[in-house]
Amino acid sequence: MRITLPLKPQEEAKLVALAQAKGLSADALVRVALDKFLAESSGEISLNQPMRSLRGLLAKYGPAPSVEEIDQNRAEMFVNFPGSDD
């Protein structure tokens, strides 16, 4: 199988430079990255996996502070902050 990957000129330059720094051709570097990706996958690749919402990702931190709590925290943080009238 042959895959053509369109790259922007700056992406291509970065790829070539990275490959040269590692002593590889650009093709070999892409192959190494692809092999690593395939080894990490569980064998089943599902492109339709449901994504967790941001709310779901942050749920472990509990409820967000209320507006009053935020205002109180701001007031406490800036109590000794010099104002424009000093």
Protein backbone atom coordinates (compact mmCIF):
# COMPACT_ATOMS: atom_id res chain seq x y z
CA MET A 1 0.00 0.00 0.00
CA ARG A 2 1.20 3.48 -0.79
CA ILE A 3 -0.09 6.55 1.04
CA THR A 4 0.45 10.11 -0.13
CA LEU A 5 0.51 12.68 2.62
CA PRO A 6 0.24 16.32 1.57
CA LEU A 7 2.59 18.44 3.68
CA LYS A 8 3.10 22.16 3.86
CA PRO A 9 6.62 23.24 2.87
CA GLN A 10 7.56 24.05 6.48
CA GLU A 11 6.24 20.65 7.64
CA GLU A 12 8.27 18.89 4.98
CA ALA A 13 11.39 20.83 5.95
CA LYS A 14 10.91 19.91 9.62
CA LEU A 15 10.41 16.25 8.74
CA VAL A 16 13.54 16.15 6.57
CA ALA A 17 15.60 17.97 9.23
CA LEU A 18 14.41 15.64 12.00
CA ALA A 19 15.11 12.59 9.86
CA GLN A 20 18.62 13.82 9.06
CA ALA A 21 19.27 14.55 12.75
CA LYS A 22 18.33 10.94 13.53
CA GLY A 23 20.37 9.59 10.62
CA LEU A 24 17.30 8.33 8.76
CA SER A 25 15.54 9.09 5.53
CA ALA A 26 12.19 10.89 5.79
CA ASP A 27 10.46 7.65 4.71
CA ALA A 28 12.23 5.65 7.42
CA LEU A 29 11.34 8.22 10.09
CA VAL A 30 7.67 8.11 9.11
CA ARG A 31 7.86 4.32 9.17
CA VAL A 32 9.28 4.37 12.72
CA ALA A 33 6.48 6.68 13.87
CA LEU A 34 3.85 4.53 12.16
CA ASP A 35 5.25 1.32 13.68
CA LYS A 36 5.16 2.93 17.14
CA PHE A 37 1.56 4.04 16.62
CA LEU A 38 0.50 0.59 15.42
CA ALA A 39 2.26 -1.12 18.32
CA GLU A 40 0.45 1.09 20.84
CA SER A 41 -2.97 0.40 19.36
CA SER A 42 -4.90 -2.55 20.73
CA GLY A 43 -5.34 -4.03 17.29
CA GLU A 44 -8.82 -2.60 16.92
CA ILE A 45 -8.93 0.91 15.61
CA SER A 46 -12.27 2.58 15.92
CA LEU A 47 -12.50 6.03 14.43
CA ASN A 48 -16.01 6.43 15.80
CA GLN A 49 -15.15 6.27 19.49
CA PRO A 50 -17.27 8.67 21.49
CA MET A 51 -15.34 11.63 22.78
CA ARG A 52 -15.65 12.71 26.36
CA SER A 53 -16.93 16.21 26.83
CA LEU A 54 -14.89 18.79 28.69
CA ARG A 55 -17.44 18.60 31.47
CA GLY A 56 -16.85 14.85 31.68
CA LEU A 57 -13.08 15.27 31.75
CA LEU A 58 -13.27 17.80 34.59
CA ALA A 59 -15.94 15.97 36.62
CA LYS A 60 -13.33 14.44 38.93
CA TYR A 61 -12.58 17.93 40.29
CA GLY A 62 -16.11 18.40 41.60
CA PRO A 63 -18.46 21.33 41.09
CA ALA A 64 -17.13 24.64 39.86
CA PRO A 65 -16.92 27.55 42.30
CA SER A 66 -19.89 29.87 42.39
CA VAL A 67 -19.75 33.47 41.18
CA GLU A 68 -19.71 34.63 44.81
CA GLU A 69 -16.76 32.35 45.64
CA ILE A 70 -14.83 33.63 42.63
CA ASP A 71 -15.50 37.25 43.61
CA GLN A 72 -14.44 36.55 47.19
CA ASN A 73 -11.22 34.85 46.03
CA ARG A 74 -10.41 37.79 43.75
CA ALA A 75 -10.95 40.24 46.57
CA GLU A 76 -8.66 38.23 48.84
CA MET A 77 -5.96 37.87 46.18
CA PHE A 78 -5.82 41.56 45.35
CA VAL A 79 -6.26 43.05 48.82
CA ASN A 80 -2.59 44.15 48.97
CA PHE A 81 -2.20 44.79 45.24
CA PRO A 82 -1.32 48.41 44.56
CA GLY A 83 -4.11 50.24 42.82
CA SER A 84 -3.92 53.00 40.22
CA ASP A 85 -4.53 55.62 42.92
CA ASP A 86 -1.25 54.85 44.80
